């Protein structure tokens, strides 16, 4: 499963149903201003089994907090 590890350029897979990776979600949220619904439509994440829902929600909260703290 080397394709799912932290050394992949796009980071680890956050949604195993769609194969959506962490850095893609980061880029869509921070650089393109997409919200969770747009990210889901764009990538297919959050539209399968639902197993990634909390992890992605927590990640977006971290990104939002980072925007306000200047990180």
PDB file of N, CA and C in Angstrom:
ATOM      1  N   UNK A   1       0.805  -1.193   0.000  1.00  0.00           N
ATOM      2  CA  UNK A   1       0.000   0.000   0.000  1.00  0.00           C
ATOM      3  C   UNK A   1       0.851   1.261   0.000  1.00  0.00           C
ATOM      4  N   UNK A   2       1.922   1.242  -0.703  1.00  0.00           N
ATOM      5  CA  UNK A   2       2.785   2.414  -0.754  1.00  0.00           C
ATOM      6  C   UNK A   2       2.058   3.618  -1.325  1.00  0.00           C
ATOM      7  N   UNK A   3       0.981   3.389  -2.077  1.00  0.00           N
ATOM      8  CA  UNK A   3       0.232   4.479  -2.687  1.00  0.00           C
ATOM      9  C   UNK A   3      -0.548   5.292  -1.653  1.00  0.00           C
ATOM     10  N   UNK A   4      -0.708   4.776  -0.449  1.00  0.00           N
ATOM     11  CA  UNK A   4      -1.511   5.439   0.572  1.00  0.00           C
ATOM     12  C   UNK A   4      -0.666   6.040   1.687  1.00  0.00           C
ATOM     13  N   UNK A   5       0.641   6.114   1.513  1.00  0.00           N
ATOM     14  CA  UNK A   5       1.464   6.585   2.619  1.00  0.00           C
ATOM     15  C   UNK A   5       1.735   8.077   2.510  1.00  0.00           C
ATOM     16  N   UNK A   6       2.337   8.630   3.530  1.00  0.00           N
ATOM     17  CA  UNK A   6       2.590  10.065   3.614  1.00  0.00           C
ATOM     18  C   UNK A   6       3.654  10.551   2.645  1.00  0.00           C
ATOM     19  N   UNK A   7       4.361   9.647   1.961  1.00  0.00           N
ATOM     20  CA  UNK A   7       5.402  10.073   1.032  1.00  0.00           C
ATOM     21  C   UNK A   7       4.848  10.386  -0.354  1.00  0.00           C
ATOM     22  N   UNK A   8       3.606  10.066  -0.616  1.00  0.00           N
ATOM     23  CA  UNK A   8       2.991  10.381  -1.907  1.00  0.00           C
ATOM     24  C   UNK A   8       2.894  11.896  -2.037  1.00  0.00           C
ATOM     25  N   UNK A   9       3.179  12.455  -3.213  1.00  0.00           N
ATOM     26  CA  UNK A   9       3.164  13.916  -3.385  1.00  0.00           C
ATOM     27  C   UNK A   9       1.843  14.580  -2.995  1.00  0.00           C
ATOM     28  N   UNK A  10       0.741  13.874  -3.135  1.00  0.00           N
ATOM     29  CA  UNK A  10      -0.557  14.444  -2.772  1.00  0.00           C
ATOM     30  C   UNK A  10      -0.970  14.080  -1.345  1.00  0.00           C
ATOM     31  N   UNK A  11      -0.076  13.439  -0.598  1.00  0.00           N
ATOM     32  CA  UNK A  11      -0.379  13.082   0.782  1.00  0.00           C
ATOM     33  C   UNK A  11      -1.206  11.815   0.870  1.00  0.00           C
ATOM     34  N   UNK A  12      -1.602  11.475   2.079  1.00  0.00           N
ATOM     35  CA  UNK A  12      -2.357  10.238   2.287  1.00  0.00           C
ATOM     36  C   UNK A  12      -3.786  10.346   1.744  1.00  0.00           C
ATOM     37  N   UNK A  13      -4.356   9.209   1.429  1.00  0.00           N
ATOM     38  CA  UNK A  13      -5.745   9.146   0.992  1.00  0.00           C
ATOM     39  C   UNK A  13      -6.639   9.454   2.189  1.00  0.00           C
ATOM     40  N   UNK A  14      -7.566  10.380   2.005  1.00  0.00           N
ATOM     41  CA  UNK A  14      -8.535  10.696   3.060  1.00  0.00           C
ATOM     42  C   UNK A  14      -9.876  10.018   2.802  1.00  0.00           C
ATOM     43  N   UNK A  15     -10.180   9.745   1.540  1.00  0.00           N
ATOM     44  CA  UNK A  15     -11.420   9.053   1.179  1.00  0.00           C
ATOM     45  C   UNK A  15     -11.046   7.845   0.334  1.00  0.00           C
ATOM     46  N   UNK A  16     -11.213   6.680   0.900  1.00  0.00           N
ATOM     47  CA  UNK A  16     -10.812   5.477   0.170  1.00  0.00           C
ATOM     48  C   UNK A  16     -11.792   5.140  -0.949  1.00  0.00           C
ATOM     49  N   UNK A  17     -13.021   5.586  -0.870  1.00  0.00           N
ATOM     50  CA  UNK A  17     -13.989   5.303  -1.941  1.00  0.00           C
ATOM     51  C   UNK A  17     -13.605   6.029  -3.228  1.00  0.00           C
ATOM     52  N   UNK A  18     -13.192   7.281  -3.112  1.00  0.00           N
ATOM     53  CA  UNK A  18     -12.865   8.073  -4.300  1.00  0.00           C
ATOM     54  C   UNK A  18     -11.365   8.196  -4.533  1.00  0.00           C
ATOM     55  N   UNK A  19     -10.556   7.827  -3.543  1.00  0.00           N
ATOM     56  CA  UNK A  19      -9.106   7.961  -3.655  1.00  0.00           C
ATOM     57  C   UNK A  19      -8.627   9.396  -3.464  1.00  0.00           C
ATOM     58  N   UNK A  20      -9.464  10.232  -2.894  1.00  0.00           N
ATOM     59  CA  UNK A  20      -9.123  11.647  -2.719  1.00  0.00           C
ATOM     60  C   UNK A  20      -8.054  11.804  -1.647  1.00  0.00           C
ATOM     61  N   UNK A  21      -7.029  12.558  -1.981  1.00  0.00           N
ATOM     62  CA  UNK A  21      -5.880  12.733  -1.098  1.00  0.00           C
ATOM     63  C   UNK A  21      -5.924  14.070  -0.370  1.00  0.00           C
ATOM     64  N   UNK A  22      -5.241  14.094   0.747  1.00  0.00           N
ATOM     65  CA  UNK A  22      -5.221  15.221   1.674  1.00  0.00           C
ATOM     66  C   UNK A  22      -4.823  16.545   1.015  1.00  0.00           C
ATOM     67  N   UNK A  23      -3.766  16.550   0.221  1.00  0.00           N
ATOM     68  CA  UNK A  23      -3.292  17.800  -0.368  1.00  0.00           C
ATOM     69  C   UNK A  23      -4.244  18.344  -1.424  1.00  0.00           C
ATOM     70  N   UNK A  24      -5.001  17.476  -2.096  1.00  0.00           N
ATOM     71  CA  UNK A  24      -6.013  17.946  -3.033  1.00  0.00           C
ATOM     72  C   UNK A  24      -7.117  18.674  -2.269  1.00  0.00           C
ATOM     73  N   UNK A  25      -7.551  18.104  -1.166  1.00  0.00           N
ATOM     74  CA  UNK A  25      -8.582  18.760  -0.348  1.00  0.00           C
ATOM     75  C   UNK A  25      -8.061  20.096   0.154  1.00  0.00           C
ATOM     76  N   UNK A  26      -6.819  20.122   0.615  1.00  0.00           N
ATOM     77  CA  UNK A  26      -6.206  21.371   1.090  1.00  0.00           C
ATOM     78  C   UNK A  26      -6.215  22.429  -0.012  1.00  0.00           C
ATOM     79  N   UNK A  27      -5.790  22.047  -1.196  1.00  0.00           N
ATOM     80  CA  UNK A  27      -5.711  22.988  -2.321  1.00  0.00           C
ATOM     81  C   UNK A  27      -7.098  23.493  -2.724  1.00  0.00           C
ATOM     82  N   UNK A  28      -8.063  22.593  -2.818  1.00  0.00           N
ATOM     83  CA  UNK A  28      -9.413  23.005  -3.197  1.00  0.00           C
ATOM     84  C   UNK A  28     -10.011  23.963  -2.175  1.00  0.00           C
ATOM     85  N   UNK A  29      -9.741  23.720  -0.909  1.00  0.00           N
ATOM     86  CA  UNK A  29     -10.306  24.553   0.154  1.00  0.00           C
ATOM     87  C   UNK A  29      -9.598  25.904   0.261  1.00  0.00           C
ATOM     88  N   UNK A  30      -8.283  25.878   0.343  1.00  0.00           N
ATOM     89  CA  UNK A  30      -7.532  27.106   0.595  1.00  0.00           C
ATOM     90  C   UNK A  30      -7.302  27.947  -0.662  1.00  0.00           C
ATOM     91  N   UNK A  31      -7.002  27.310  -1.774  1.00  0.00           N
ATOM     92  CA  UNK A  31      -6.641  28.060  -2.971  1.00  0.00           C
ATOM     93  C   UNK A  31      -7.832  28.348  -3.881  1.00  0.00           C
ATOM     94  N   UNK A  32      -8.803  27.444  -3.879  1.00  0.00           N
ATOM     95  CA  UNK A  32      -9.939  27.629  -4.781  1.00  0.00           C
ATOM     96  C   UNK A  32     -11.209  28.018  -4.046  1.00  0.00           C
ATOM     97  N   UNK A  33     -11.154  28.035  -2.717  1.00  0.00           N
ATOM     98  CA  UNK A  33     -12.289  28.496  -1.928  1.00  0.00           C
ATOM     99  C   UNK A  33     -13.503  27.584  -1.939  1.00  0.00           C
ATOM    100  N   UNK A  34     -13.300  26.320  -2.242  1.00  0.00           N
ATOM    101  CA  UNK A  34     -14.425  25.385  -2.279  1.00  0.00           C
ATOM    102  C   UNK A  34     -14.808  24.969  -0.862  1.00  0.00           C
ATOM    103  N   UNK A  35     -16.117  24.882  -0.621  1.00  0.00           N
ATOM    104  CA  UNK A  35     -16.592  24.395   0.672  1.00  0.00           C
ATOM    105  C   UNK A  35     -16.711  22.871   0.624  1.00  0.00           C
ATOM    106  N   UNK A  36     -17.140  22.286   1.721  1.00  0.00           N
ATOM    107  CA  UNK A  36     -17.191  20.828   1.825  1.00  0.00           C
ATOM    108  C   UNK A  36     -18.097  20.226   0.750  1.00  0.00           C
ATOM    109  N   UNK A  37     -19.194  20.890   0.423  1.00  0.00           N
ATOM    110  CA  UNK A  37     -20.111  20.358  -0.588  1.00  0.00           C
ATOM    111  C   UNK A  37     -19.479  20.401  -1.981  1.00  0.00           C
ATOM    112  N   UNK A  38     -18.793  21.490  -2.289  1.00  0.00           N
ATOM    113  CA  UNK A  38     -18.115  21.601  -3.583  1.00  0.00           C
ATOM    114  C   UNK A  38     -16.965  20.606  -3.681  1.00  0.00           C
ATOM    115  N   UNK A  39     -16.237  20.414  -2.591  1.00  0.00           N
ATOM    116  CA  UNK A  39     -15.147  19.431  -2.576  1.00  0.00           C
ATOM    117  C   UNK A  39     -15.712  18.040  -2.837  1.00  0.00           C
ATOM    118  N   UNK A  40     -16.832  17.732  -2.226  1.00  0.00           N
ATOM    119  CA  UNK A  40     -17.469  16.438  -2.432  1.00  0.00           C
ATOM    120  C   UNK A  40     -17.884  16.260  -3.883  1.00  0.00           C
ATOM    121  N   UNK A  41     -18.514  17.271  -4.465  1.00  0.00           N
ATOM    122  CA  UNK A  41     -18.929  17.185  -5.868  1.00  0.00           C
ATOM    123  C   UNK A  41     -17.727  17.079  -6.797  1.00  0.00           C
ATOM    124  N   UNK A  42     -16.674  17.812  -6.512  1.00  0.00           N
ATOM    125  CA  UNK A  42     -15.485  17.868  -7.369  1.00  0.00           C
ATOM    126  C   UNK A  42     -14.693  16.559  -7.333  1.00  0.00           C
ATOM    127  N   UNK A  43     -14.564  15.968  -6.131  1.00  0.00           N
ATOM    128  CA  UNK A  43     -13.685  14.807  -5.953  1.00  0.00           C
ATOM    129  C   UNK A  43     -14.409  13.474  -5.811  1.00  0.00           C
ATOM    130  N   UNK A  44     -15.663  13.509  -5.391  1.00  0.00           N
ATOM    131  CA  UNK A  44     -16.377  12.275  -5.079  1.00  0.00           C
ATOM    132  C   UNK A  44     -16.218  11.864  -3.625  1.00  0.00           C
ATOM    133  N   UNK A  45     -15.355  12.579  -2.889  1.00  0.00           N
ATOM    134  CA  UNK A  45     -15.193  12.290  -1.454  1.00  0.00           C
ATOM    135  C   UNK A  45     -16.517  12.570  -0.745  1.00  0.00           C
ATOM    136  N   UNK A  46     -16.769  11.871   0.320  1.00  0.00           N
ATOM    137  CA  UNK A  46     -17.963  12.028   1.145  1.00  0.00           C
ATOM    138  C   UNK A  46     -19.238  11.535   0.466  1.00  0.00           C
ATOM    139  N   UNK A  47     -19.104  10.887  -0.679  1.00  0.00           N
ATOM    140  CA  UNK A  47     -20.302  10.455  -1.400  1.00  0.00           C
ATOM    141  C   UNK A  47     -20.440   8.937  -1.464  1.00  0.00           C
ATOM    142  N   UNK A  48     -19.541   8.245  -0.788  1.00  0.00           N
ATOM    143  CA  UNK A  48     -19.581   6.782  -0.805  1.00  0.00           C
ATOM    144  C   UNK A  48     -20.088   6.235   0.516  1.00  0.00           C
ATOM    145  N   UNK A  49     -19.210   5.599   1.249  1.00  0.00           N
ATOM    146  CA  UNK A  49     -19.591   4.895   2.477  1.00  0.00           C
ATOM    147  C   UNK A  49     -19.781   5.823   3.677  1.00  0.00           C
ATOM    148  N   UNK A  50     -19.205   7.033   3.611  1.00  0.00           N
ATOM    149  CA  UNK A  50     -19.317   7.974   4.731  1.00  0.00           C
ATOM    150  C   UNK A  50     -18.222   7.817   5.770  1.00  0.00           C
ATOM    151  N   UNK A  51     -17.303   6.892   5.553  1.00  0.00           N
ATOM    152  CA  UNK A  51     -16.255   6.648   6.530  1.00  0.00           C
ATOM    153  C   UNK A  51     -15.258   7.790   6.679  1.00  0.00           C
ATOM    154  N   UNK A  52     -15.182   8.670   5.697  1.00  0.00           N
ATOM    155  CA  UNK A  52     -14.215   9.772   5.740  1.00  0.00           C
ATOM    156  C   UNK A  52     -14.828  11.070   6.265  1.00  0.00           C
ATOM    157  N   UNK A  53     -16.109  11.061   6.530  1.00  0.00           N
ATOM    158  CA  UNK A  53     -16.833  12.293   6.869  1.00  0.00           C
ATOM    159  C   UNK A  53     -16.195  13.066   8.023  1.00  0.00           C
ATOM    160  N   UNK A  54     -15.926  12.403   9.123  1.00  0.00           N
ATOM    161  CA  UNK A  54     -15.403  13.109  10.300  1.00  0.00           C
ATOM    162  C   UNK A  54     -13.963  13.545  10.096  1.00  0.00           C
ATOM    163  N   UNK A  55     -13.164  12.689   9.446  1.00  0.00           N
ATOM    164  CA  UNK A  55     -11.761  13.036   9.217  1.00  0.00           C
ATOM    165  C   UNK A  55     -11.646  14.275   8.315  1.00  0.00           C
ATOM    166  N   UNK A  56     -12.442  14.313   7.255  1.00  0.00           N
ATOM    167  CA  UNK A  56     -12.399  15.464   6.354  1.00  0.00           C
ATOM    168  C   UNK A  56     -12.957  16.701   7.040  1.00  0.00           C
ATOM    169  N   UNK A  57     -14.025  16.552   7.800  1.00  0.00           N
ATOM    170  CA  UNK A  57     -14.589  17.696   8.528  1.00  0.00           C
ATOM    171  C   UNK A  57     -13.568  18.267   9.507  1.00  0.00           C
ATOM    172  N   UNK A  58     -12.881  17.405  10.235  1.00  0.00           N
ATOM    173  CA  UNK A  58     -11.849  17.864  11.182  1.00  0.00           C
ATOM    174  C   UNK A  58     -10.696  18.543  10.452  1.00  0.00           C
ATOM    175  N   UNK A  59     -10.308  17.993   9.295  1.00  0.00           N
ATOM    176  CA  UNK A  59      -9.223  18.576   8.516  1.00  0.00           C
ATOM    177  C   UNK A  59      -9.608  19.976   8.026  1.00  0.00           C
ATOM    178  N   UNK A  60     -10.826  20.140   7.561  1.00  0.00           N
ATOM    179  CA  UNK A  60     -11.272  21.462   7.107  1.00  0.00           C
ATOM    180  C   UNK A  60     -11.329  22.456   8.262  1.00  0.00           C
ATOM    181  N   UNK A  61     -11.690  21.993   9.443  1.00  0.00           N
ATOM    182  CA  UNK A  61     -11.671  22.869  10.626  1.00  0.00           C
ATOM    183  C   UNK A  61     -10.244  23.320  10.940  1.00  0.00           C
ATOM    184  N   UNK A  62      -9.291  22.391  10.824  1.00  0.00           N
ATOM    185  CA  UNK A  62      -7.878  22.741  11.046  1.00  0.00           C
ATOM    186  C   UNK A  62      -7.415  23.777  10.028  1.00  0.00           C
ATOM    187  N   UNK A  63      -7.791  23.565   8.769  1.00  0.00           N
ATOM    188  CA  UNK A  63      -7.398  24.521   7.729  1.00  0.00           C
ATOM    189  C   UNK A  63      -8.009  25.889   7.986  1.00  0.00           C
ATOM    190  N   UNK A  64      -9.262  25.916   8.399  1.00  0.00           N
ATOM    191  CA  UNK A  64      -9.937  27.183   8.686  1.00  0.00           C
ATOM    192  C   UNK A  64      -9.274  27.896   9.849  1.00  0.00           C
ATOM    193  N   UNK A  65      -8.939  27.157  10.898  1.00  0.00           N
ATOM    194  CA  UNK A  65      -8.261  27.734  12.061  1.00  0.00           C
ATOM    195  C   UNK A  65      -6.900  28.293  11.646  1.00  0.00           C
ATOM    196  N   UNK A  66      -6.205  27.598  10.764  1.00  0.00           N
ATOM    197  CA  UNK A  66      -4.912  28.059  10.283  1.00  0.00           C
ATOM    198  C   UNK A  66      -5.014  29.340   9.490  1.00  0.00           C
ATOM    199  N   UNK A  67      -6.113  29.510   8.743  1.00  0.00           N
ATOM    200  CA  UNK A  67      -6.316  30.739   7.975  1.00  0.00           C
ATOM    201  C   UNK A  67      -6.437  31.941   8.908  1.00  0.00           C
ATOM    202  N   UNK A  68      -7.077  31.732  10.051  1.00  0.00           N
ATOM    203  CA  UNK A  68      -7.315  32.841  10.988  1.00  0.00           C
ATOM    204  C   UNK A  68      -6.146  33.085  11.922  1.00  0.00           C
ATOM    205  N   UNK A  69      -5.250  32.114  12.022  1.00  0.00           N
ATOM    206  CA  UNK A  69      -4.092  32.305  12.911  1.00  0.00           C
ATOM    207  C   UNK A  69      -2.855  32.747  12.129  1.00  0.00           C
ATOM    208  N   UNK A  70      -2.991  32.851  10.804  1.00  0.00           N
ATOM    209  CA  UNK A  70      -1.883  33.305   9.986  1.00  0.00           C
ATOM    210  C   UNK A  70      -0.904  32.222   9.609  1.00  0.00           C
ATOM    211  N   UNK A  71      -1.253  30.948   9.812  1.00  0.00           N
ATOM    212  CA  UNK A  71      -0.355  29.827   9.462  1.00  0.00           C
ATOM    213  C   UNK A  71      -0.420  29.556   7.989  1.00  0.00           C
TER     214      UNK A  71
END
